[in-house]
C-alpha atoms as a PDB file:
ATOM      1  CA  MET A   1     124.762 100.226  75.877  1.00  0.00           C
ATOM      2  CA  THR A   2     128.432 100.955  76.415  1.00  0.00           C
ATOM      3  CA  PRO A   3     129.418 104.461  75.126  1.00  0.00           C
ATOM      4  CA  ALA A   4     131.469 104.325  71.884  1.00  0.00           C
ATOM      5  CA  THR A   5     134.980 105.879  72.232  1.00  0.00           C
ATOM      6  CA  SER A   6     136.042 108.324  69.519  1.00  0.00           C
ATOM      7  CA  LYS A   7     139.525 108.662  68.079  1.00  0.00           C
ATOM      8  CA  ASN A   8     140.409 110.929  70.760  1.00  0.00           C
ATOM      9  CA  SER A   9     140.265 108.698  73.721  1.00  0.00           C
ATOM     10  CA  SER A  10     139.529 111.488  76.121  1.00  0.00           C
ATOM     11  CA  GLU A  11     136.243 112.039  74.193  1.00  0.00           C
ATOM     12  CA  LYS A  12     133.260 109.747  74.413  1.00  0.00           C
ATOM     13  CA  MET A  13     130.426 109.576  72.047  1.00  0.00           C
ATOM     14  CA  PRO A  14     127.048 109.799  73.717  1.00  0.00           C
ATOM     15  CA  THR A  15     125.202 106.540  74.393  1.00  0.00           C
ATOM     16  CA  THR A  16     122.263 105.582  72.127  1.00  0.00           C
ATOM     17  CA  VAL A  17     119.834 106.674  74.870  1.00  0.00           C
ATOM     18  CA  GLU A  18     121.531 110.181  75.099  1.00  0.00           C
ATOM     19  CA  GLN A  19     121.239 110.442  71.226  1.00  0.00           C
ATOM     20  CA  HIS A  20     117.518 109.577  71.693  1.00  0.00           C
ATOM     21  CA  VAL A  21     117.141 112.136  74.457  1.00  0.00           C
ATOM     22  CA  ALA A  22     118.977 114.950  72.473  1.00  0.00           C
ATOM     23  CA  ARG A  23     116.772 114.344  69.461  1.00  0.00           C
ATOM     24  CA  LEU A  24     113.473 114.260  71.690  1.00  0.00           C
ATOM     25  CA  LEU A  25     114.310 117.362  73.499  1.00  0.00           C
ATOM     26  CA  GLY A  26     115.850 119.409  70.683  1.00  0.00           C
ATOM     27  CA  GLY A  27     119.573 119.300  71.638  1.00  0.00           C
ATOM     28  CA  ALA A  28     121.616 119.402  74.759  1.00  0.00           C
ATOM     29  CA  SER A  29     120.706 120.643  78.219  1.00  0.00           C
ATOM     30  CA  LYS A  30     122.516 124.048  78.382  1.00  0.00           C
ATOM     31  CA  TYR A  31     120.387 126.464  80.498  1.00  0.00           C
ATOM     32  CA  THR A  32     120.031 126.792  84.325  1.00  0.00           C
ATOM     33  CA  LEU A  33     116.846 127.570  86.055  1.00  0.00           C
ATOM     34  CA  ARG A  34     118.003 131.236  86.383  1.00  0.00           C
ATOM     35  CA  GLU A  35     118.872 131.566  82.680  1.00  0.00           C
ATOM     36  CA  VAL A  36     115.578 130.187  81.594  1.00  0.00           C
ATOM     37  CA  ALA A  37     113.786 132.591  83.805  1.00  0.00           C
ATOM     38  CA  GLU A  38     115.749 135.441  82.285  1.00  0.00           C
ATOM     39  CA  LEU A  39     115.196 134.339  78.656  1.00  0.00           C
ATOM     40  CA  VAL A  40     111.441 134.000  79.317  1.00  0.00           C
ATOM     41  CA  GLU A  41     111.303 137.115  81.351  1.00  0.00           C
ATOM     42  CA  VAL A  42     109.719 135.470  84.456  1.00  0.00           C
ATOM     43  CA  ASP A  43     110.754 134.817  87.963  1.00  0.00           C
ATOM     44  CA  THR A  44     112.357 131.534  88.943  1.00  0.00           C
ATOM     45  CA  GLU A  45     109.467 130.432  90.901  1.00  0.00           C
ATOM     46  CA  THR A  46     107.340 130.412  87.699  1.00  0.00           C
ATOM     47  CA  VAL A  47     109.770 128.048  86.001  1.00  0.00           C
ATOM     48  CA  ARG A  48     109.863 125.917  89.151  1.00  0.00           C
ATOM     49  CA  ARG A  49     106.003 125.706  89.249  1.00  0.00           C
ATOM     50  CA  PHE A  50     105.958 124.651  85.578  1.00  0.00           C
ATOM     51  CA  TRP A  51     108.576 121.854  86.210  1.00  0.00           C
ATOM     52  CA  ARG A  52     106.532 120.556  89.224  1.00  0.00           C
ATOM     53  CA  SER A  53     103.326 120.599  87.338  1.00  0.00           C
ATOM     54  CA  MET A  54     105.135 118.457  84.709  1.00  0.00           C
ATOM     55  CA  GLY A  55     105.522 115.949  87.511  1.00  0.00           C
ATOM     56  CA  PHE A  56     109.379 116.246  87.760  1.00  0.00           C
ATOM     57  CA  PRO A  57     111.330 116.481  91.036  1.00  0.00           C
ATOM     58  CA  THR A  58     111.885 120.024  92.623  1.00  0.00           C
ATOM     59  CA  ILE A  59     114.978 121.767  91.256  1.00  0.00           C
ATOM     60  CA  THR A  60     117.276 121.826  94.318  1.00  0.00           C
ATOM     61  CA  THR A  61     120.399 122.776  92.341  1.00  0.00           C
ATOM     62  CA  PRO A  62     119.647 126.012  90.530  1.00  0.00           C
ATOM     63  CA  ASP A  63     123.042 126.085  88.762  1.00  0.00           C
ATOM     64  CA  GLN A  64     122.409 122.674  87.193  1.00  0.00           C
ATOM     65  CA  ARG A  65     122.197 122.980  83.276  1.00  0.00           C
ATOM     66  CA  LEU A  66     118.882 121.133  83.003  1.00  0.00           C
ATOM     67  CA  PHE A  67     116.893 122.856  80.286  1.00  0.00           C
ATOM     68  CA  THR A  68     117.132 122.752  76.493  1.00  0.00           C
ATOM     69  CA  GLU A  69     116.016 125.239  73.791  1.00  0.00           C
ATOM     70  CA  TYR A  70     112.785 123.072  73.405  1.00  0.00           C
ATOM     71  CA  ASP A  71     112.161 123.639  77.197  1.00  0.00           C
ATOM     72  CA  VAL A  72     112.602 127.482  76.869  1.00  0.00           C
ATOM     73  CA  ASP A  73     110.236 127.534  73.777  1.00  0.00           C
ATOM     74  CA  VAL A  74     107.445 125.652  75.685  1.00  0.00           C
ATOM     75  CA  ILE A  75     107.861 127.580  78.835  1.00  0.00           C
ATOM     76  CA  ARG A  76     107.741 130.752  76.905  1.00  0.00           C
ATOM     77  CA  ALA A  77     104.454 129.546  75.120  1.00  0.00           C
ATOM     78  CA  HIS A  78     103.144 128.625  78.629  1.00  0.00           C
ATOM     79  CA  VAL A  79     103.790 132.303  79.776  1.00  0.00           C
ATOM     80  CA  ASP A  80     102.309 133.830  76.588  1.00  0.00           C
ATOM     81  CA  MET A  81      99.201 131.806  76.984  1.00  0.00           C
ATOM     82  CA  GLN A  82      98.965 133.197  80.510  1.00  0.00           C
ATOM     83  CA  ASN A  83      99.668 136.734  79.486  1.00  0.00           C
ATOM     84  CA  SER A  84      96.981 136.379  76.667  1.00  0.00           C
ATOM     85  CA  ASP A  85      94.089 136.262  79.304  1.00  0.00           C
ATOM     86  CA  LEU A  86      93.007 132.968  77.844  1.00  0.00           C
ATOM     87  CA  ALA A  87      93.733 131.108  81.030  1.00  0.00           C
ATOM     88  CA  ASP A  88      95.171 131.902  84.399  1.00  0.00           C
ATOM     89  CA  ALA A  89      98.165 130.412  86.158  1.00  0.00           C
ATOM     90  CA  ASP A  90      96.125 127.878  88.130  1.00  0.00           C
ATOM     91  CA  THR A  91      94.363 126.762  85.108  1.00  0.00           C
ATOM     92  CA  LEU A  92      97.344 126.341  83.055  1.00  0.00           C
ATOM     93  CA  ASN A  93      99.055 124.380  85.731  1.00  0.00           C
ATOM     94  CA  SER A  94      96.063 122.136  86.025  1.00  0.00           C
ATOM     95  CA  LEU A  95      96.177 121.491  82.223  1.00  0.00           C
ATOM     96  CA  ILE A  96      99.866 120.755  82.518  1.00  0.00           C
ATOM     97  CA  ARG A  97      99.418 118.342  85.325  1.00  0.00           C
ATOM     98  CA  ALA A  98      96.651 116.399  83.311  1.00  0.00           C
ATOM     99  CA  GLN A  99      98.770 116.082  80.282  1.00  0.00           C
ATOM    100  CA  SER A 100     101.879 115.087  82.124  1.00  0.00           C
ATOM    101  CA  HIS A 101     100.035 112.589  84.382  1.00  0.00           C
ATOM    102  CA  LEU A 102      98.627 110.883  81.296  1.00  0.00           C
ATOM    103  CA  ALA A 103     101.954 111.194  79.285  1.00  0.00           C
ATOM    104  CA  ASP A 104     103.820 109.525  82.162  1.00  0.00           C
ATOM    105  CA  ARG A 105     101.391 106.553  82.151  1.00  0.00           C
ATOM    106  CA  MET A 106     101.224 106.391  78.398  1.00  0.00           C
ATOM    107  CA  VAL A 107     105.005 106.271  77.734  1.00  0.00           C
ATOM    108  CA  LEU A 108     105.327 103.453  80.391  1.00  0.00           C
ATOM    109  CA  TRP A 109     102.648 101.507  78.770  1.00  0.00           C
ATOM    110  CA  GLN A 110     104.047 101.977  75.374  1.00  0.00           C
ATOM    111  CA  HIS A 111     107.453 101.013  76.643  1.00  0.00           C
ATOM    112  CA  GLU A 112     106.304  97.747  78.173  1.00  0.00           C
ATOM    113  CA  ALA A 113     104.328  96.896  75.119  1.00  0.00           C
ATOM    114  CA  LEU A 114     107.392  97.193  72.997  1.00  0.00           C
ATOM    115  CA  VAL A 115     109.356  95.023  75.381  1.00  0.00           C
ATOM    116  CA  GLU A 116     106.771  92.267  75.194  1.00  0.00           C
ATOM    117  CA  GLU A 117     106.721  92.733  71.254  1.00  0.00           C
ATOM    118  CA  PHE A 118     110.528  92.162  71.090  1.00  0.00           C
ATOM    119  CA  GLU A 119     110.477  89.281  73.525  1.00  0.00           C
ATOM    120  CA  GLY A 120     107.837  87.470  71.488  1.00  0.00           C
ATOM    121  CA  ARG A 121     109.101  88.365  68.021  1.00  0.00           C
ATOM    122  CA  PHE A 122     112.734  87.650  68.528  1.00  0.00           C
ATOM    123  CA  GLY A 123     112.463  85.067  71.223  1.00  0.00           C
ATOM    124  CA  ILE A 124     114.812  86.666  73.560  1.00  0.00           C
ATOM    125  CA  ASP A 125     114.841  87.285  77.271  1.00  0.00           C
ATOM    126  CA  GLU A 126     113.183  90.268  78.965  1.00  0.00           C
ATOM    127  CA  VAL A 127     116.651  92.025  79.685  1.00  0.00           C
ATOM    128  CA  SER A 128     117.741  91.705  76.115  1.00  0.00           C
ATOM    129  CA  ALA A 129     114.366  92.983  74.854  1.00  0.00           C
ATOM    130  CA  ARG A 130     114.582  95.997  77.188  1.00  0.00           C
ATOM    131  CA  TYR A 131     118.071  96.774  75.689  1.00  0.00           C
ATOM    132  CA  MET A 132     116.566  96.379  72.233  1.00  0.00           C
ATOM    133  CA  VAL A 133     113.906  99.006  73.085  1.00  0.00           C
ATOM    134  CA  LEU A 134     116.616 101.424  74.137  1.00  0.00           C
ATOM    135  CA  ASP A 135     118.300 100.986  70.770  1.00  0.00           C
ATOM    136  CA  ARG A 136     115.259 100.942  68.476  1.00  0.00           C
ATOM    137  CA  VAL A 137     112.657 103.323  70.092  1.00  0.00           C
ATOM    138  CA  ASP A 138     113.257 106.052  67.435  1.00  0.00           C
ATOM    139  CA  GLU A 139     111.749 103.569  64.745  1.00  0.00           C
ATOM    140  CA  TYR A 140     108.603 103.857  66.635  1.00  0.00           C
ATOM    141  CA  GLU A 141     108.597 107.579  67.554  1.00  0.00           C
ATOM    142  CA  GLU A 142     106.831 109.084  64.630  1.00  0.00           C
ATOM    143  CA  PHE A 143     104.014 106.612  64.681  1.00  0.00           C
ATOM    144  CA  LEU A 144     103.486 106.946  68.403  1.00  0.00           C
ATOM    145  CA  VAL A 145     103.278 110.754  68.159  1.00  0.00           C
ATOM    146  CA  TYR A 146     100.922 110.514  65.153  1.00  0.00           C
ATOM    147  CA  GLN A 147      98.635 107.995  67.077  1.00  0.00           C
ATOM    148  CA  MET A 148      98.723 110.162  70.224  1.00  0.00           C
ATOM    149  CA  LYS A 149      97.459 113.255  68.223  1.00  0.00           C
ATOM    150  CA  TYR A 150      94.703 111.262  66.529  1.00  0.00           C
ATOM    151  CA  ALA A 151      93.586 109.731  69.860  1.00  0.00           C
ATOM    152  CA  TRP A 152      93.479 113.033  71.388  1.00  0.00           C
ATOM    153  CA  ARG A 153      91.468 114.572  68.619  1.00  0.00           C
ATOM    154  CA  ARG A 154      89.102 111.748  68.485  1.00  0.00           C
ATOM    155  CA  HIS A 155      88.376 111.677  72.182  1.00  0.00           C
ATOM    156  CA  LEU A 156      88.048 115.572  72.374  1.00  0.00           C
ATOM    157  CA  SER A 157      85.535 115.300  69.553  1.00  0.00           C
ATOM    158  CA  ALA A 158      83.526 112.745  71.414  1.00  0.00           C
ATOM    159  CA  LEU A 159      83.591 114.739  74.535  1.00  0.00           C
ATOM    160  CA  LEU A 160      82.395 117.981  72.713  1.00  0.00           C
ATOM    161  CA  ARG A 161      79.492 115.951  71.273  1.00  0.00           C
ATOM    162  CA  ARG A 162      78.448 114.527  74.667  1.00  0.00           C
ATOM    163  CA  SER A 163      78.758 117.869  76.291  1.00  0.00           C
ATOM    164  CA  GLU A 164      76.581 119.549  73.721  1.00  0.00           C
ATOM    165  CA  THR A 165      73.853 116.808  74.150  1.00  0.00           C
ATOM    166  CA  GLU A 166      74.054 117.224  77.884  1.00  0.00           C
ATOM    167  CA  LEU A 167      73.668 120.970  77.678  1.00  0.00           C
ATOM    168  CA  GLU A 168      70.784 120.900  75.152  1.00  0.00           C
ATOM    169  CA  ASP A 169      68.950 118.359  77.530  1.00  0.00           C
ATOM    170  CA  ARG A 170      69.457 120.713  80.407  1.00  0.00           C
ATOM    171  CA  ARG A 171      68.307 123.816  78.431  1.00  0.00           C
ATOM    172  CA  LYS A 172      65.087 121.966  77.427  1.00  0.00           C
ATOM    173  CA  THR A 173      64.238 121.127  81.126  1.00  0.00           C
ATOM    174  CA  GLY A 174      65.315 124.573  82.263  1.00  0.00           C
ATOM    175  CA  ASN A 175      67.819 122.965  84.749  1.00  0.00           C
ATOM    176  CA  LYS A 176      70.603 125.578  85.500  1.00  0.00           C
ATOM    177  CA  ASP A 177      71.863 123.849  88.643  1.00  0.00           C
ATOM    178  CA  GLU A 178      75.464 122.866  89.404  1.00  0.00           C
ATOM    179  CA  MET A 179      76.536 120.640  86.535  1.00  0.00           C
ATOM    180  CA  GLN A 180      75.964 117.295  88.088  1.00  0.00           C
ATOM    181  CA  LEU A 181      75.980 114.674  85.364  1.00  0.00           C
ATOM    182  CA  MET A 182      73.404 111.939  85.437  1.00  0.00           C
ATOM    183  CA  ARG A 183      75.265 108.642  84.541  1.00  0.00           C
ATOM    184  CA  ALA A 184      75.119 104.853  84.916  1.00  0.00           C
ATOM    185  CA  PHE A 185      78.299 103.727  86.632  1.00  0.00           C
ATOM    186  CA  GLY A 186      79.757 100.892  88.858  1.00  0.00           C
ATOM    187  CA  PHE A 187      82.600  98.700  89.843  1.00  0.00           C
ATOM    188  CA  VAL A 188      83.762  95.276  88.826  1.00  0.00           C
ATOM    189  CA  ASP A 189      86.235  93.692  91.325  1.00  0.00           C
ATOM    190  CA  LEU A 190      88.116  90.532  91.344  1.00  0.00           C
ATOM    191  CA  VAL A 191      87.498  88.136  94.245  1.00  0.00           C
ATOM    192  CA  SER A 192      90.440  86.933  96.187  1.00  0.00           C
ATOM    193  CA  PHE A 193      92.953  88.883  94.156  1.00  0.00           C
ATOM    194  CA  THR A 194      95.549  89.129  96.895  1.00  0.00           C
ATOM    195  CA  HIS A 195      95.467  85.378  97.357  1.00  0.00           C
ATOM    196  CA  ARG A 196      95.651  84.721  93.633  1.00  0.00           C
ATOM    197  CA  SER A 197      98.395  87.170  92.893  1.00  0.00           C
ATOM    198  CA  GLY A 198     100.626  85.657  95.631  1.00  0.00           C
ATOM    199  CA  GLU A 199     100.460  82.353  93.675  1.00  0.00           C
ATOM    200  CA  LEU A 200     101.794  83.852  90.462  1.00  0.00           C
ATOM    201  CA  SER A 201     105.288  84.695  89.098  1.00  0.00           C
ATOM    202  CA  PRO A 202     105.889  88.305  88.123  1.00  0.00           C
ATOM    203  CA  HIS A 203     105.445  87.534  84.445  1.00  0.00           C
ATOM    204  CA  ALA A 204     102.160  85.436  85.094  1.00  0.00           C
ATOM    205  CA  LEU A 205     100.900  88.328  87.300  1.00  0.00           C
ATOM    206  CA  VAL A 206     101.372  90.874  84.472  1.00  0.00           C
ATOM    207  CA  ASP A 207      99.669  88.609  82.015  1.00  0.00           C
ATOM    208  CA  PHE A 208      96.849  88.082  84.577  1.00  0.00           C
ATOM    209  CA  ILE A 209      96.267  91.837  85.132  1.00  0.00           C
ATOM    210  CA  GLN A 210      96.437  92.514  81.425  1.00  0.00           C
ATOM    211  CA  THR A 211      93.845  89.966  80.549  1.00  0.00           C
ATOM    212  CA  PHE A 212      91.491  91.367  83.190  1.00  0.00           C
ATOM    213  CA  GLU A 213      92.139  95.009  82.026  1.00  0.00           C
ATOM    214  CA  PHE A 214      91.912  94.302  78.275  1.00  0.00           C
ATOM    215  CA  THR A 215      88.794  92.347  78.765  1.00  0.00           C
ATOM    216  CA  CYS A 216      87.143  95.096  80.658  1.00  0.00           C
ATOM    217  CA  ARG A 217      88.233  97.753  78.360  1.00  0.00           C
ATOM    218  CA  ASP A 218      87.132  95.891  75.249  1.00  0.00           C
ATOM    219  CA  VAL A 219      83.563  95.257  76.637  1.00  0.00           C
ATOM    220  CA  ILE A 220      83.316  98.871  77.907  1.00  0.00           C
ATOM    221  CA  SER A 221      84.395 100.430  74.574  1.00  0.00           C
ATOM    222  CA  MET A 222      82.345  97.968  72.357  1.00  0.00           C
ATOM    223  CA  ARG A 223      79.118  98.888  74.345  1.00  0.00           C
ATOM    224  CA  GLY A 224      79.889 102.625  73.960  1.00  0.00           C
ATOM    225  CA  ALA A 225      80.643 103.278  77.682  1.00  0.00           C
ATOM    226  CA  ARG A 226      84.001 104.579  79.106  1.00  0.00           C
ATOM    227  CA  VAL A 227      86.656 103.383  81.515  1.00  0.00           C
ATOM    228  CA  VAL A 228      87.068 105.980  84.359  1.00  0.00           C
ATOM    229  CA  LYS A 229      89.998 104.236  85.783  1.00  0.00           C
ATOM    230  CA  MET A 230      91.501 100.816  86.521  1.00  0.00           C
ATOM    231  CA  VAL A 231      92.530 100.203  90.253  1.00  0.00           C
ATOM    232  CA  GLY A 232      94.512  97.057  90.299  1.00  0.00           C
ATOM    233  CA  ASP A 233      91.954  94.543  90.556  1.00  0.00           C
ATOM    234  CA  ALA A 234      88.878  96.726  89.868  1.00  0.00           C
ATOM    235  CA  VAL A 235      87.503  98.908  87.123  1.00  0.00           C
ATOM    236  CA  LEU A 236      85.267 101.918  87.432  1.00  0.00           C
ATOM    237  CA  TYR A 237      83.098 102.314  84.267  1.00  0.00           C
ATOM    238  CA  ILE A 238      80.537 104.995  83.305  1.00  0.00           C
ATOM    239  CA  ALA A 239      77.739 105.170  80.643  1.00  0.00           C
ATOM    240  CA  ASP A 240      75.551 107.886  79.481  1.00  0.00           C
ATOM    241  CA  ASP A 241      72.338 105.926  79.874  1.00  0.00           C
ATOM    242  CA  LEU A 242      71.134 103.111  82.113  1.00  0.00           C
ATOM    243  CA  HIS A 243      70.404 100.491  79.446  1.00  0.00           C
ATOM    244  CA  THR A 244      74.190 100.798  78.292  1.00  0.00           C
ATOM    245  CA  GLY A 245      75.378 100.754  81.910  1.00  0.00           C
ATOM    246  CA  ALA A 246      73.480  97.458  82.546  1.00  0.00           C
ATOM    247  CA  ALA A 247      74.699  95.953  79.351  1.00  0.00           C
ATOM    248  CA  VAL A 248      78.322  96.675  80.172  1.00  0.00           C
ATOM    249  CA  VAL A 249      78.358  95.199  83.658  1.00  0.00           C
ATOM    250  CA  ASP A 250      76.495  92.186  82.567  1.00  0.00           C
ATOM    251  CA  ASP A 251      78.896  91.534  79.641  1.00  0.00           C
ATOM    252  CA  ILE A 252      81.965  92.143  81.824  1.00  0.00           C
ATOM    253  CA  VAL A 253      80.792  89.598  84.331  1.00  0.00           C
ATOM    254  CA  ARG A 254      80.122  87.026  81.791  1.00  0.00           C
ATOM    255  CA  SER A 255      83.206  87.735  79.798  1.00  0.00           C
ATOM    256  CA  LEU A 256      85.475  87.351  82.826  1.00  0.00           C
ATOM    257  CA  GLN A 257      83.664  84.094  83.836  1.00  0.00           C
ATOM    258  CA  ASP A 258      84.254  82.758  80.400  1.00  0.00           C
ATOM    259  CA  THR A 259      87.964  83.812  80.496  1.00  0.00           C
ATOM    260  CA  PRO A 260      90.375  80.906  81.584  1.00  0.00           C
ATOM    261  CA  THR A 261      92.387  81.556  84.770  1.00  0.00           C
ATOM    262  CA  MET A 262      90.058  84.511  85.761  1.00  0.00           C
ATOM    263  CA  PRO A 263      88.836  84.285  89.290  1.00  0.00           C
ATOM    264  CA  ASP A 264      85.217  85.102  90.443  1.00  0.00           C
ATOM    265  CA  VAL A 265      84.101  88.647  90.449  1.00  0.00           C
ATOM    266  CA  ARG A 266      81.782  91.067  92.147  1.00  0.00           C
ATOM    267  CA  ALA A 267      79.939  93.977  90.501  1.00  0.00           C
ATOM    268  CA  SER A 268      77.685  97.081  91.055  1.00  0.00           C
ATOM    269  CA  LEU A 269      75.568  99.398  89.041  1.00  0.00           C
ATOM    270  CA  VAL A 270      74.214 102.627  90.055  1.00  0.00           C
ATOM    271  CA  TRP A 271      72.236 105.468  88.380  1.00  0.00           C
ATOM    272  CA  GLY A 272      72.717 108.984  89.663  1.00  0.00           C
ATOM    273  CA  GLY A 273      74.506 112.237  89.710  1.00  0.00           C
ATOM    274  CA  VAL A 274      78.376 112.639  89.492  1.00  0.00           C
ATOM    275  CA  VAL A 275      80.781 115.364  89.319  1.00  0.00           C
ATOM    276  CA  SER A 276      83.629 115.126  86.835  1.00  0.00           C
ATOM    277  CA  ARG A 277      86.941 116.529  87.771  1.00  0.00           C
ATOM    278  CA  PHE A 278      90.651 115.654  87.012  1.00  0.00           C
ATOM    279  CA  GLY A 279      89.548 112.815  84.591  1.00  0.00           C
ATOM    280  CA  ASP A 280      87.704 111.094  87.443  1.00  0.00           C
ATOM    281  CA  VAL A 281      84.114 111.048  88.870  1.00  0.00           C
ATOM    282  CA  PHE A 282      83.069 111.927  92.553  1.00  0.00           C
ATOM    283  CA  GLY A 283      80.065 112.001  94.594  1.00  0.00           C
ATOM    284  CA  PRO A 284      78.062 110.097  97.128  1.00  0.00           C
ATOM    285  CA  LYS A 285      76.509 107.830  94.406  1.00  0.00           C
ATOM    286  CA  VAL A 286      80.199 106.807  93.278  1.00  0.00           C
ATOM    287  CA  ASN A 287      80.908 105.916  96.970  1.00  0.00           C
ATOM    288  CA  LEU A 288      77.641 103.908  96.999  1.00  0.00           C
ATOM    289  CA  ALA A 289      78.677 101.893  93.974  1.00  0.00           C
ATOM    290  CA  SER A 290      82.057 101.069  95.571  1.00  0.00           C
ATOM    291  CA  ARG A 291      80.562  99.883  98.727  1.00  0.00           C
ATOM    292  CA  LEU A 292      77.809  97.730  96.738  1.00  0.00           C
ATOM    293  CA  CYS A 293      80.552  95.983  94.807  1.00  0.00           C
ATOM    294  CA  SER A 294      82.423  95.021  98.036  1.00  0.00           C
ATOM    295  CA  VAL A 295      79.337  93.115  99.324  1.00  0.00           C
ATOM    296  CA  ALA A 296      77.933  91.940  96.075  1.00  0.00           C
ATOM    297  CA  PRO A 297      77.312  88.113  95.687  1.00  0.00           C
ATOM    298  CA  VAL A 298      80.108  86.187  93.785  1.00  0.00           C
ATOM    299  CA  ASN A 299      79.641  86.616  90.117  1.00  0.00           C
ATOM    300  CA  GLY A 300      76.594  88.812  90.822  1.00  0.00           C
ATOM    301  CA  ILE A 301      75.514  92.564  90.301  1.00  0.00           C
ATOM    302  CA  LEU A 302      74.344  94.618  93.035  1.00  0.00           C
ATOM    303  CA  VAL A 303      72.121  97.796  92.480  1.00  0.00           C
ATOM    304  CA  ASP A 304      70.528 100.182  95.052  1.00  0.00           C
ATOM    305  CA  TYR A 305      66.762 100.383  95.405  1.00  0.00           C
ATOM    306  CA  GLU A 306      66.387 103.511  93.123  1.00  0.00           C
ATOM    307  CA  THR A 307      68.449 102.196  90.251  1.00  0.00           C
ATOM    308  CA  GLY A 308      66.449  98.879  90.519  1.00  0.00           C
ATOM    309  CA  GLU A 309      63.184 100.847  90.220  1.00  0.00           C
ATOM    310  CA  PHE A 310      64.642 102.578  87.155  1.00  0.00           C
ATOM    311  CA  LEU A 311      65.483  99.369  85.501  1.00  0.00           C
ATOM    312  CA  HIS A 312      62.162  97.907  86.333  1.00  0.00           C
ATOM    313  CA  GLN A 313      60.440 100.870  84.601  1.00  0.00           C
ATOM    314  CA  LEU A 314      62.733 100.479  81.607  1.00  0.00           C
ATOM    315  CA  ASP A 315      62.007  96.847  80.896  1.00  0.00           C
ATOM    316  CA  SER A 316      60.577  94.755  83.591  1.00  0.00           C
ATOM    317  CA  GLU A 317      60.911  91.493  81.530  1.00  0.00           C
ATOM    318  CA  LYS A 318      64.530  92.172  80.613  1.00  0.00           C
ATOM    319  CA  TYR A 319      65.810  93.354  84.078  1.00  0.00           C
ATOM    320  CA  GLU A 320      65.042  91.001  87.066  1.00  0.00           C
ATOM    321  CA  VAL A 321      65.698  92.922  90.376  1.00  0.00           C
ATOM    322  CA  ALA A 322      65.417  90.878  93.421  1.00  0.00           C
ATOM    323  CA  PRO A 323      65.904  92.191  97.104  1.00  0.00           C
ATOM    324  CA  TYR A 324      69.250  91.334  98.567  1.00  0.00           C
ATOM    325  CA  ALA A 325      70.127  91.683 102.122  1.00  0.00           C
ATOM    326  CA  ILE A 326      73.433  93.500 102.837  1.00  0.00           C
ATOM    327  CA  PRO A 327      75.018  94.707 106.097  1.00  0.00           C
ATOM    328  CA  GLU A 328      75.412  98.388 106.802  1.00  0.00           C
ATOM    329  CA  LEU A 329      77.836 100.101 104.433  1.00  0.00           C
ATOM    330  CA  GLN A 330      80.733 101.913 105.928  1.00  0.00           C
ATOM    331  CA  GLY A 331      80.231 105.616 105.646  1.00  0.00           C
ATOM    332  CA  ILE A 332      76.649 105.141 104.099  1.00  0.00           C
ATOM    333  CA  GLY A 333      74.646 103.142 106.487  1.00  0.00           C
ATOM    334  CA  SER A 334      71.737 100.835 105.857  1.00  0.00           C
ATOM    335  CA  ILE A 335      70.333 100.837 102.331  1.00  0.00           C
ATOM    336  CA  ASP A 336      67.937  98.678 100.388  1.00  0.00           C
ATOM    337  CA  ALA A 337      69.895  96.687  97.714  1.00  0.00           C
ATOM    338  CA  ALA A 338      68.911  94.264  95.027  1.00  0.00           C
ATOM    339  CA  GLN A 339      70.602  91.719  92.858  1.00  0.00           C
ATOM    340  CA  LEU A 340      70.410  92.418  89.028  1.00  0.00           C
ATOM    341  CA  VAL A 341      69.898  89.569  86.648  1.00  0.00           C
ATOM    342  CA  ILE A 342      69.583  90.385  82.898  1.00  0.00           C
ATOM    343  CA  HIS A 343      67.708  88.080  80.570  1.00  0.00           C
END
């Protein structure tokens, strides 16, 4: 990616990457922090706060020409939204943080996927593949943006429908308490992951983690549940009903057992109330599910007593729940646990 030299040797053409950046950001960086604030008619701290919410480093050199016309337009739209009384500054910054956090992870994932694509398709080494992505990313840009908008619309539509159903159920029961969602959720965790990962080359480790993640995501999606988060060697999943939650955890355990090179796993399933914030779920029941997973039998599924009772009431022949002795759980204490077997 060496810059090309123009006829005038004192001038250099921008690199391919800088050409991509100029296209993506609508031109060259030409405004300082103070100039953006003046154009948008806000104080500099408002612009700084916007930039931090985007996940970028604090601006320590106010005279640096960091912003483009595109930046100015978006910051102006941000300020206009705040002035419209549709959302206050804290809410807008929270929305920006959410979008930026996901965008950061998304573009990294997309970049790595293209590197793998070029390695495999052209039979080249990783370094060459990464240079090729730098050269050709513009060929994928329109599709990636189109796909992102589609995914956002689809997932927002699904969320709106789930929320409507939840509210209708609460209206019928007259429940107006804090919006705690009743869900089935739990963890699946790889056994001896640290030892196993130490035996693998970097490439093999990436393939290993990708196989684990893709297997879990495929099962969870096919069953109509959702991935809350992947945490290295573990996945937190959630489902709207207990039948689905049980099917998900059973299928994940079986699928991973059937996958070559996958180690043993431990899993948990809990039915209870959670609070949803920042794209994650919180509450004592989530902590319980995490602790149960850590002490579950190898390739087994642990539930708490209450969840076991619910499963027994749902279908006593399908769900076999046997008492399982566990040590006191850190931060929770002594509880009655059971091993779940699904027929």
